[in-house]
Amino acid sequence: MRALSWQDFEYLLGEAFRRQGYLVEQTGRNGPDGGVDLRLSRGQERLLVQCKHWKVRQVGVRVVRELSGVVASERATGGIVVTSGDFSADAKSFARTVPIRLIDGRELDELIDSVRTTPHVEKPTVSSHPTSQLCPECGATMTVRTARRGASAGSRFWGCSKYPACRATRPLSPA
């Protein structure tokens, strides 16, 4: 897993959270992400995830503080910092005082193993608002994205998780 590119690392994490029942929006795949790599939602819960795919380094308190600030400014219910490494003692101490969960390399391995060993089964839905879609071009999972430019700026849509290799999109059904 530590040999994965940061994009594949984020995609794999997104899939792990999808299998836990979250709607996953991947952000910042082509530029600055504002300190948030994934946005998770499930019911009233809204979590912001920051991924730190560092092979050996230890994640310090600064990263946890920054995510805590973004969680507060976006009025999310909490945040998660994920690393393939470990967290400093200061980071662990600070995280206990705010709604931020830390996932270190050991716990991350367990999370990823659940993706490898559990087959993904699409649950049939009677809702007109599915929580995932398959790409009509390549068959990959599609994620909810927000247009950043052009006439559709600010609107949400389904975009292929393999972007930019696959540029397929679908409209997002209105809520």
N, C-alpha and C. Protein backbone atom coordinates (compact mmCIF):
# COMPACT_ATOMS: atom_id res chain seq x y z
N MET A 1 0.82 -1.18 0.00
CA MET A 1 0.00 0.00 0.00
C MET A 1 0.87 1.26 0.00
N ARG A 2 1.99 1.22 0.67
CA ARG A 2 2.84 2.40 0.75
C ARG A 2 3.48 2.76 -0.59
N ALA A 3 3.39 1.83 -1.56
CA ALA A 3 3.93 2.10 -2.89
C ALA A 3 2.89 2.77 -3.80
N LEU A 4 1.65 2.91 -3.33
CA LEU A 4 0.61 3.54 -4.13
C LEU A 4 0.89 5.02 -4.33
N SER A 5 0.43 5.56 -5.46
CA SER A 5 0.49 7.01 -5.65
C SER A 5 -0.51 7.64 -4.69
N TRP A 6 -0.38 8.94 -4.43
CA TRP A 6 -1.31 9.59 -3.50
C TRP A 6 -2.73 9.55 -4.05
N GLN A 7 -2.90 9.61 -5.39
CA GLN A 7 -4.23 9.56 -5.97
C GLN A 7 -4.88 8.19 -5.71
N ASP A 8 -4.11 7.11 -5.93
CA ASP A 8 -4.63 5.77 -5.69
C ASP A 8 -4.89 5.53 -4.20
N PHE A 9 -4.03 6.11 -3.37
CA PHE A 9 -4.20 6.02 -1.92
C PHE A 9 -5.54 6.63 -1.52
N GLU A 10 -5.85 7.84 -2.02
CA GLU A 10 -7.11 8.50 -1.71
C GLU A 10 -8.29 7.71 -2.27
N TYR A 11 -8.15 7.18 -3.48
CA TYR A 11 -9.24 6.41 -4.08
C TYR A 11 -9.54 5.17 -3.24
N LEU A 12 -8.49 4.47 -2.81
CA LEU A 12 -8.66 3.26 -2.00
C LEU A 12 -9.35 3.58 -0.67
N LEU A 13 -8.95 4.68 -0.06
CA LEU A 13 -9.61 5.11 1.19
C LEU A 13 -11.07 5.43 0.93
N GLY A 14 -11.34 6.13 -0.16
CA GLY A 14 -12.73 6.44 -0.51
C GLY A 14 -13.57 5.18 -0.64
N GLU A 15 -13.01 4.17 -1.28
CA GLU A 15 -13.73 2.91 -1.43
C GLU A 15 -13.96 2.24 -0.08
N ALA A 16 -12.99 2.29 0.81
CA ALA A 16 -13.15 1.71 2.15
C ALA A 16 -14.29 2.41 2.88
N PHE A 17 -14.37 3.74 2.79
CA PHE A 17 -15.45 4.46 3.45
C PHE A 17 -16.80 4.21 2.77
N ARG A 18 -16.82 4.06 1.44
CA ARG A 18 -18.06 3.72 0.74
C ARG A 18 -18.63 2.41 1.27
N ARG A 19 -17.75 1.46 1.51
CA ARG A 19 -18.19 0.16 2.00
C ARG A 19 -18.67 0.21 3.45
N GLN A 20 -18.39 1.32 4.12
CA GLN A 20 -18.93 1.53 5.46
C GLN A 20 -20.24 2.30 5.41
N GLY A 21 -20.72 2.55 4.20
CA GLY A 21 -22.02 3.20 4.03
C GLY A 21 -21.97 4.70 3.83
N TYR A 22 -20.79 5.28 3.63
CA TYR A 22 -20.68 6.72 3.42
C TYR A 22 -20.84 7.06 1.94
N LEU A 23 -21.43 8.21 1.67
CA LEU A 23 -21.37 8.83 0.36
C LEU A 23 -20.04 9.56 0.35
N VAL A 24 -19.21 9.32 -0.64
CA VAL A 24 -17.85 9.86 -0.66
C VAL A 24 -17.70 10.83 -1.82
N GLU A 25 -17.22 12.03 -1.51
CA GLU A 25 -16.87 13.01 -2.53
C GLU A 25 -15.36 13.21 -2.46
N GLN A 26 -14.68 12.93 -3.57
CA GLN A 26 -13.24 13.12 -3.61
C GLN A 26 -12.96 14.52 -4.12
N THR A 27 -12.11 15.25 -3.40
CA THR A 27 -11.82 16.65 -3.74
C THR A 27 -10.35 16.80 -4.09
N GLY A 28 -10.02 17.89 -4.74
CA GLY A 28 -8.63 18.25 -4.95
C GLY A 28 -7.81 17.30 -5.79
N ARG A 29 -8.44 16.50 -6.64
CA ARG A 29 -7.68 15.53 -7.43
C ARG A 29 -6.80 16.22 -8.47
N ASN A 30 -7.11 17.48 -8.79
CA ASN A 30 -6.34 18.16 -9.81
C ASN A 30 -5.83 19.52 -9.36
N GLY A 31 -5.67 19.70 -8.08
CA GLY A 31 -5.19 20.97 -7.58
C GLY A 31 -5.37 21.06 -6.08
N PRO A 32 -5.25 22.26 -5.52
CA PRO A 32 -5.37 22.43 -4.08
C PRO A 32 -6.73 21.96 -3.58
N ASP A 33 -6.72 21.31 -2.42
CA ASP A 33 -7.96 20.75 -1.89
C ASP A 33 -8.42 21.45 -0.63
N GLY A 34 -7.73 22.50 -0.20
CA GLY A 34 -8.14 23.23 1.00
C GLY A 34 -8.02 22.42 2.27
N GLY A 35 -7.16 21.41 2.27
CA GLY A 35 -6.95 20.60 3.46
C GLY A 35 -7.93 19.45 3.59
N VAL A 36 -8.76 19.21 2.57
CA VAL A 36 -9.74 18.13 2.62
C VAL A 36 -9.59 17.29 1.36
N ASP A 37 -9.34 16.00 1.55
CA ASP A 37 -9.19 15.09 0.40
C ASP A 37 -10.48 14.34 0.10
N LEU A 38 -11.25 14.03 1.14
CA LEU A 38 -12.51 13.32 0.99
C LEU A 38 -13.56 13.99 1.87
N ARG A 39 -14.78 14.04 1.39
CA ARG A 39 -15.92 14.49 2.18
C ARG A 39 -16.85 13.29 2.30
N LEU A 40 -17.15 12.92 3.54
CA LEU A 40 -18.01 11.76 3.80
C LEU A 40 -19.33 12.23 4.37
N SER A 41 -20.40 11.59 3.93
CA SER A 41 -21.70 11.88 4.54
C SER A 41 -22.49 10.59 4.66
N ARG A 42 -23.20 10.52 5.77
CA ARG A 42 -24.06 9.36 6.06
C ARG A 42 -25.09 9.86 7.05
N GLY A 43 -26.33 9.96 6.60
CA GLY A 43 -27.37 10.54 7.45
C GLY A 43 -27.02 11.99 7.76
N GLN A 44 -27.02 12.34 9.03
CA GLN A 44 -26.69 13.70 9.46
C GLN A 44 -25.19 13.90 9.66
N GLU A 45 -24.43 12.83 9.58
CA GLU A 45 -22.98 12.90 9.81
C GLU A 45 -22.26 13.42 8.56
N ARG A 46 -21.41 14.43 8.76
CA ARG A 46 -20.57 14.98 7.69
C ARG A 46 -19.14 15.03 8.19
N LEU A 47 -18.26 14.24 7.58
CA LEU A 47 -16.87 14.15 8.00
C LEU A 47 -15.96 14.63 6.89
N LEU A 48 -14.89 15.30 7.27
CA LEU A 48 -13.86 15.74 6.34
C LEU A 48 -12.62 14.91 6.59
N VAL A 49 -12.00 14.43 5.51
CA VAL A 49 -10.86 13.53 5.65
C VAL A 49 -9.63 14.14 4.99
N GLN A 50 -8.52 14.13 5.71
CA GLN A 50 -7.23 14.57 5.19
C GLN A 50 -6.33 13.34 5.13
N CYS A 51 -5.80 13.04 3.96
CA CYS A 51 -4.93 11.87 3.77
C CYS A 51 -3.47 12.31 3.75
N LYS A 52 -2.65 11.64 4.51
CA LYS A 52 -1.21 11.90 4.53
C LYS A 52 -0.50 10.59 4.20
N HIS A 53 -0.21 10.41 2.95
CA HIS A 53 0.41 9.17 2.47
C HIS A 53 1.93 9.29 2.59
N TRP A 54 2.39 9.28 3.81
CA TRP A 54 3.81 9.37 4.06
C TRP A 54 4.33 8.00 4.44
N LYS A 55 5.45 7.64 3.88
CA LYS A 55 5.96 6.29 4.09
C LYS A 55 6.61 6.12 5.46
N VAL A 56 7.36 7.09 5.92
CA VAL A 56 8.10 6.94 7.17
C VAL A 56 7.76 8.06 8.15
N ARG A 57 7.44 9.23 7.62
CA ARG A 57 7.27 10.40 8.46
C ARG A 57 6.13 10.28 9.45
N GLN A 58 6.25 11.07 10.45
CA GLN A 58 5.25 11.15 11.49
C GLN A 58 4.42 12.40 11.24
N VAL A 59 3.11 12.27 11.34
CA VAL A 59 2.23 13.42 11.15
C VAL A 59 2.18 14.21 12.45
N GLY A 60 2.44 15.51 12.35
CA GLY A 60 2.49 16.36 13.53
C GLY A 60 1.17 17.03 13.85
N VAL A 61 1.17 17.77 14.93
CA VAL A 61 -0.03 18.42 15.44
C VAL A 61 -0.57 19.48 14.47
N ARG A 62 0.28 20.10 13.67
CA ARG A 62 -0.15 21.15 12.74
C ARG A 62 -1.25 20.65 11.79
N VAL A 63 -1.09 19.45 11.26
CA VAL A 63 -2.07 18.87 10.33
C VAL A 63 -3.42 18.69 11.03
N VAL A 64 -3.39 18.20 12.27
CA VAL A 64 -4.62 17.96 13.02
C VAL A 64 -5.29 19.29 13.35
N ARG A 65 -4.51 20.30 13.73
CA ARG A 65 -5.07 21.62 14.02
C ARG A 65 -5.72 22.24 12.79
N GLU A 66 -5.04 22.11 11.64
CA GLU A 66 -5.58 22.68 10.41
C GLU A 66 -6.91 22.02 10.05
N LEU A 67 -6.98 20.70 10.13
CA LEU A 67 -8.23 20.02 9.81
C LEU A 67 -9.31 20.41 10.80
N SER A 68 -8.96 20.55 12.06
CA SER A 68 -9.93 20.97 13.07
C SER A 68 -10.53 22.33 12.71
N GLY A 69 -9.69 23.24 12.22
CA GLY A 69 -10.17 24.56 11.79
C GLY A 69 -11.12 24.47 10.60
N VAL A 70 -10.80 23.61 9.64
CA VAL A 70 -11.66 23.43 8.47
C VAL A 70 -12.99 22.79 8.88
N VAL A 71 -12.93 21.81 9.79
CA VAL A 71 -14.15 21.17 10.30
C VAL A 71 -15.06 22.23 10.93
N ALA A 72 -14.47 23.11 11.74
CA ALA A 72 -15.26 24.16 12.38
C ALA A 72 -15.82 25.15 11.35
N SER A 73 -14.99 25.58 10.40
CA SER A 73 -15.46 26.58 9.44
C SER A 73 -16.52 26.02 8.50
N GLU A 74 -16.48 24.72 8.21
CA GLU A 74 -17.48 24.11 7.33
C GLU A 74 -18.65 23.52 8.11
N ARG A 75 -18.59 23.63 9.43
CA ARG A 75 -19.63 23.10 10.31
C ARG A 75 -19.89 21.61 10.07
N ALA A 76 -18.80 20.88 9.86
CA ALA A 76 -18.89 19.43 9.72
C ALA A 76 -19.01 18.82 11.11
N THR A 77 -19.43 17.57 11.18
CA THR A 77 -19.57 16.93 12.48
C THR A 77 -18.24 16.41 13.01
N GLY A 78 -17.25 16.29 12.14
CA GLY A 78 -15.95 15.82 12.58
C GLY A 78 -14.99 15.67 11.42
N GLY A 79 -13.82 15.15 11.75
CA GLY A 79 -12.79 14.96 10.73
C GLY A 79 -11.98 13.71 11.01
N ILE A 80 -11.26 13.29 10.00
CA ILE A 80 -10.39 12.12 10.11
C ILE A 80 -9.07 12.46 9.41
N VAL A 81 -7.96 12.21 10.10
CA VAL A 81 -6.64 12.31 9.46
C VAL A 81 -6.12 10.89 9.32
N VAL A 82 -5.74 10.53 8.11
CA VAL A 82 -5.27 9.18 7.82
C VAL A 82 -3.82 9.25 7.34
N THR A 83 -2.99 8.39 7.89
CA THR A 83 -1.60 8.31 7.44
C THR A 83 -1.17 6.86 7.34
N SER A 84 -0.26 6.60 6.44
CA SER A 84 0.32 5.26 6.36
C SER A 84 1.45 5.13 7.38
N GLY A 85 1.77 6.22 8.05
CA GLY A 85 2.81 6.21 9.08
C GLY A 85 2.23 6.26 10.48
N ASP A 86 2.66 7.26 11.26
CA ASP A 86 2.24 7.39 12.65
C ASP A 86 1.98 8.86 12.95
N PHE A 87 1.50 9.14 14.15
CA PHE A 87 1.23 10.50 14.61
C PHE A 87 2.13 10.84 15.77
N SER A 88 2.51 12.11 15.87
CA SER A 88 3.32 12.55 17.00
C SER A 88 2.47 12.53 18.27
N ALA A 89 3.13 12.54 19.41
CA ALA A 89 2.43 12.57 20.69
C ALA A 89 1.56 13.82 20.79
N ASP A 90 2.08 14.97 20.32
CA ASP A 90 1.30 16.21 20.34
C ASP A 90 0.04 16.10 19.48
N ALA A 91 0.16 15.47 18.32
CA ALA A 91 -1.00 15.29 17.44
C ALA A 91 -2.05 14.43 18.13
N LYS A 92 -1.63 13.35 18.76
CA LYS A 92 -2.56 12.46 19.46
C LYS A 92 -3.23 13.19 20.61
N SER A 93 -2.47 13.96 21.35
CA SER A 93 -3.00 14.69 22.49
C SER A 93 -4.03 15.73 22.04
N PHE A 94 -3.71 16.49 21.00
CA PHE A 94 -4.64 17.51 20.51
C PHE A 94 -5.91 16.88 19.96
N ALA A 95 -5.79 15.77 19.23
CA ALA A 95 -6.96 15.11 18.63
C ALA A 95 -7.97 14.67 19.67
N ARG A 96 -7.50 14.38 20.88
CA ARG A 96 -8.42 13.98 21.95
C ARG A 96 -9.31 15.13 22.41
N THR A 97 -8.95 16.38 22.05
CA THR A 97 -9.71 17.55 22.51
C THR A 97 -10.67 18.10 21.46
N VAL A 98 -10.63 17.53 20.26
CA VAL A 98 -11.47 18.01 19.15
C VAL A 98 -12.12 16.80 18.46
N PRO A 99 -13.12 17.04 17.62
CA PRO A 99 -13.79 15.90 16.95
C PRO A 99 -13.00 15.39 15.74
N ILE A 100 -11.76 15.01 15.98
CA ILE A 100 -10.89 14.49 14.91
C ILE A 100 -10.44 13.08 15.29
N ARG A 101 -10.65 12.15 14.40
CA ARG A 101 -10.20 10.77 14.57
C ARG A 101 -8.88 10.60 13.82
N LEU A 102 -7.93 9.92 14.43
CA LEU A 102 -6.65 9.64 13.79
C LEU A 102 -6.59 8.18 13.40
N ILE A 103 -6.24 7.92 12.14
CA ILE A 103 -6.06 6.55 11.65
C ILE A 103 -4.61 6.42 11.24
N ASP A 104 -3.85 5.62 12.01
CA ASP A 104 -2.42 5.43 11.71
C ASP A 104 -2.22 4.23 10.78
N GLY A 105 -0.97 3.95 10.45
CA GLY A 105 -0.65 2.88 9.51
C GLY A 105 -1.21 1.53 9.89
N ARG A 106 -1.19 1.20 11.17
CA ARG A 106 -1.69 -0.10 11.62
C ARG A 106 -3.19 -0.20 11.40
N GLU A 107 -3.93 0.81 11.83
CA GLU A 107 -5.38 0.80 11.65
C GLU A 107 -5.74 0.92 10.16
N LEU A 108 -4.93 1.67 9.43
CA LEU A 108 -5.15 1.81 7.98
C LEU A 108 -5.02 0.46 7.28
N ASP A 109 -4.03 -0.33 7.67
CA ASP A 109 -3.87 -1.67 7.08
C ASP A 109 -5.13 -2.50 7.29
N GLU A 110 -5.72 -2.42 8.48
CA GLU A 110 -6.95 -3.17 8.77
C GLU A 110 -8.10 -2.65 7.92
N LEU A 111 -8.19 -1.34 7.76
CA LEU A 111 -9.25 -0.74 6.96
C LEU A 111 -9.14 -1.18 5.50
N ILE A 112 -7.93 -1.15 4.98
CA ILE A 112 -7.70 -1.54 3.58
C ILE A 112 -7.90 -3.04 3.39
N ASP A 113 -7.51 -3.84 4.37
CA ASP A 113 -7.74 -5.28 4.28
C ASP A 113 -9.22 -5.57 4.14
N SER A 114 -10.07 -4.77 4.78
CA SER A 114 -11.51 -4.99 4.67
C SER A 114 -11.99 -4.76 3.24
N VAL A 115 -11.33 -3.86 2.50
CA VAL A 115 -11.68 -3.63 1.10
C VAL A 115 -11.23 -4.83 0.26
N ARG A 116 -10.06 -5.33 0.56
CA ARG A 116 -9.52 -6.46 -0.22
C ARG A 116 -10.31 -7.75 0.01
N THR A 117 -10.78 -7.97 1.24
CA THR A 117 -11.40 -9.25 1.57
C THR A 117 -12.92 -9.25 1.49
N THR A 118 -13.53 -8.07 1.42
CA THR A 118 -14.98 -8.00 1.36
C THR A 118 -15.40 -7.63 -0.05
N PRO A 119 -16.13 -8.52 -0.72
CA PRO A 119 -16.58 -8.16 -2.06
C PRO A 119 -17.56 -7.00 -2.00
N HIS A 120 -17.44 -6.12 -2.96
CA HIS A 120 -18.34 -4.97 -3.01
C HIS A 120 -19.64 -5.41 -3.64
N VAL A 121 -20.72 -5.28 -2.90
CA VAL A 121 -22.03 -5.66 -3.39
C VAL A 121 -22.89 -4.42 -3.42
N GLU A 122 -23.34 -4.07 -4.61
CA GLU A 122 -24.25 -2.93 -4.74
C GLU A 122 -25.59 -3.33 -4.15
N LYS A 123 -26.07 -2.57 -3.19
CA LYS A 123 -27.38 -2.83 -2.62
C LYS A 123 -28.43 -2.24 -3.54
N PRO A 124 -29.49 -3.01 -3.80
CA PRO A 124 -30.55 -2.43 -4.62
C PRO A 124 -31.17 -1.26 -3.89
N THR A 125 -31.57 -0.28 -4.61
CA THR A 125 -32.14 0.90 -3.99
C THR A 125 -33.46 1.24 -4.63
N VAL A 126 -34.40 1.68 -3.83
CA VAL A 126 -35.68 2.14 -4.35
C VAL A 126 -35.68 3.66 -4.41
N SER A 127 -34.64 4.25 -3.88
CA SER A 127 -34.52 5.70 -3.90
C SER A 127 -34.14 6.17 -5.29
N SER A 128 -34.58 7.36 -5.64
CA SER A 128 -34.16 7.94 -6.91
C SER A 128 -32.84 8.67 -6.74
N HIS A 129 -32.21 8.56 -5.55
CA HIS A 129 -30.96 9.24 -5.25
C HIS A 129 -29.92 8.20 -4.84
N PRO A 130 -29.33 7.47 -5.80
CA PRO A 130 -28.37 6.44 -5.43
C PRO A 130 -27.13 7.04 -4.79
N THR A 131 -26.45 6.23 -3.96
CA THR A 131 -25.24 6.72 -3.29
C THR A 131 -23.99 6.40 -4.09
N SER A 132 -24.09 5.60 -5.15
CA SER A 132 -22.94 5.37 -6.02
C SER A 132 -23.44 5.01 -7.40
N GLN A 133 -22.59 5.17 -8.37
CA GLN A 133 -22.88 4.87 -9.77
C GLN A 133 -21.66 4.22 -10.36
N LEU A 134 -21.86 3.48 -11.43
CA LEU A 134 -20.74 2.94 -12.18
C LEU A 134 -20.57 3.78 -13.44
N CYS A 135 -19.33 4.00 -13.80
CA CYS A 135 -19.00 4.81 -14.97
C CYS A 135 -19.48 4.11 -16.24
N PRO A 136 -20.20 4.82 -17.10
CA PRO A 136 -20.69 4.20 -18.34
C PRO A 136 -19.56 3.94 -19.33
N GLU A 137 -18.42 4.60 -19.16
CA GLU A 137 -17.31 4.44 -20.10
C GLU A 137 -16.36 3.31 -19.70
N CYS A 138 -15.95 3.28 -18.40
CA CYS A 138 -14.91 2.33 -17.99
C CYS A 138 -15.35 1.37 -16.89
N GLY A 139 -16.52 1.59 -16.29
CA GLY A 139 -17.01 0.69 -15.26
C GLY A 139 -16.51 0.98 -13.85
N ALA A 140 -15.67 2.00 -13.68
CA ALA A 140 -15.16 2.37 -12.35
C ALA A 140 -16.29 3.04 -11.55
N THR A 141 -16.07 3.20 -10.26
CA THR A 141 -17.04 3.89 -9.41
C THR A 141 -17.03 5.37 -9.75
N MET A 142 -18.21 5.97 -9.76
CA MET A 142 -18.31 7.42 -9.97
C MET A 142 -18.48 8.07 -8.60
N THR A 143 -18.00 9.29 -8.47
CA THR A 143 -18.11 10.02 -7.22
C THR A 143 -18.82 11.35 -7.46
N VAL A 144 -19.43 11.86 -6.41
CA VAL A 144 -20.11 13.15 -6.52
C VAL A 144 -19.05 14.24 -6.50
N ARG A 145 -19.11 15.11 -7.46
CA ARG A 145 -18.14 16.21 -7.59
C ARG A 145 -18.89 17.53 -7.73
N THR A 146 -18.15 18.63 -7.58
CA THR A 146 -18.72 19.96 -7.74
C THR A 146 -17.95 20.68 -8.84
N ALA A 147 -18.69 21.20 -9.83
CA ALA A 147 -18.06 21.94 -10.92
C ALA A 147 -17.41 23.20 -10.36
N ARG A 148 -16.20 23.47 -10.79
CA ARG A 148 -15.47 24.63 -10.27
C ARG A 148 -15.44 25.81 -11.23
N ARG A 149 -15.67 25.54 -12.53
CA ARG A 149 -15.58 26.60 -13.52
C ARG A 149 -16.74 26.50 -14.50
N GLY A 150 -16.86 27.54 -15.31
CA GLY A 150 -17.83 27.52 -16.40
C GLY A 150 -19.25 27.83 -15.96
N ALA A 151 -20.17 27.61 -16.89
CA ALA A 151 -21.57 27.93 -16.65
C ALA A 151 -22.17 27.08 -15.53
N SER A 152 -21.60 25.90 -15.30
CA SER A 152 -22.14 25.00 -14.27
C SER A 152 -21.42 25.10 -12.93
N ALA A 153 -20.56 26.09 -12.75
CA ALA A 153 -19.79 26.23 -11.52
C ALA A 153 -20.71 26.19 -10.30
N GLY A 154 -20.32 25.35 -9.33
CA GLY A 154 -21.09 25.20 -8.11
C GLY A 154 -22.10 24.07 -8.15
N SER A 155 -22.43 23.58 -9.34
CA SER A 155 -23.40 22.48 -9.42
C SER A 155 -22.69 21.15 -9.20
N ARG A 156 -23.45 20.16 -8.69
CA ARG A 156 -22.87 18.86 -8.38
C ARG A 156 -23.24 17.87 -9.47
N PHE A 157 -22.36 16.88 -9.70
CA PHE A 157 -22.56 15.89 -10.74
C PHE A 157 -21.79 14.63 -10.39
N TRP A 158 -22.09 13.53 -11.08
CA TRP A 158 -21.31 12.30 -10.95
C TRP A 158 -20.13 12.41 -11.91
N GLY A 159 -18.91 12.14 -11.41
CA GLY A 159 -17.72 12.13 -12.25
C GLY A 159 -16.95 10.84 -12.01
N CYS A 160 -16.32 10.33 -13.06
CA CYS A 160 -15.58 9.08 -12.94
C CYS A 160 -14.42 9.23 -11.96
N SER A 161 -14.24 8.22 -11.11
CA SER A 161 -13.15 8.24 -10.12
C SER A 161 -11.79 8.06 -10.79
N LYS A 162 -11.77 7.67 -12.04
CA LYS A 162 -10.51 7.50 -12.77
C LYS A 162 -10.08 8.78 -13.50
N TYR A 163 -10.80 9.89 -13.27
CA TYR A 163 -10.44 11.16 -13.88
C TYR A 163 -9.00 11.50 -13.50
N PRO A 164 -8.15 11.96 -14.38
CA PRO A 164 -8.41 12.46 -15.72
C PRO A 164 -8.32 11.40 -16.83
N ALA A 165 -7.96 10.17 -16.50
CA ALA A 165 -7.86 9.14 -17.54
C ALA A 165 -9.22 8.91 -18.20
N CYS A 166 -10.28 8.99 -17.42
CA CYS A 166 -11.64 8.84 -17.95
C CYS A 166 -12.41 10.09 -17.55
N ARG A 167 -13.01 10.76 -18.48
CA ARG A 167 -13.69 12.03 -18.23
C ARG A 167 -15.21 11.93 -18.26
N ALA A 168 -15.74 10.71 -18.10
CA ALA A 168 -17.19 10.51 -18.14
C ALA A 168 -17.88 11.21 -16.97
N THR A 169 -19.05 11.77 -17.24
CA THR A 169 -19.87 12.39 -16.19
C THR A 169 -21.32 11.98 -16.39
N ARG A 170 -22.11 12.15 -15.34
CA ARG A 170 -23.55 11.95 -15.38
C ARG A 170 -24.17 13.03 -14.51
N PRO A 171 -25.37 13.44 -14.85
CA PRO A 171 -26.04 14.43 -13.98
C PRO A 171 -26.39 13.80 -12.64
N LEU A 172 -26.39 14.61 -11.62
CA LEU A 172 -26.79 14.17 -10.28
C LEU A 172 -28.29 14.46 -10.16
N SER A 173 -29.04 13.45 -9.77
CA SER A 173 -30.49 13.63 -9.64
C SER A 173 -30.75 14.71 -8.60
N PRO A 174 -31.72 15.58 -8.83
CA PRO A 174 -32.04 16.61 -7.82
C PRO A 174 -32.56 15.97 -6.55
N ALA A 175 -32.24 16.60 -5.43
CA ALA A 175 -32.65 16.06 -4.11
C ALA A 175 -34.11 16.31 -3.84
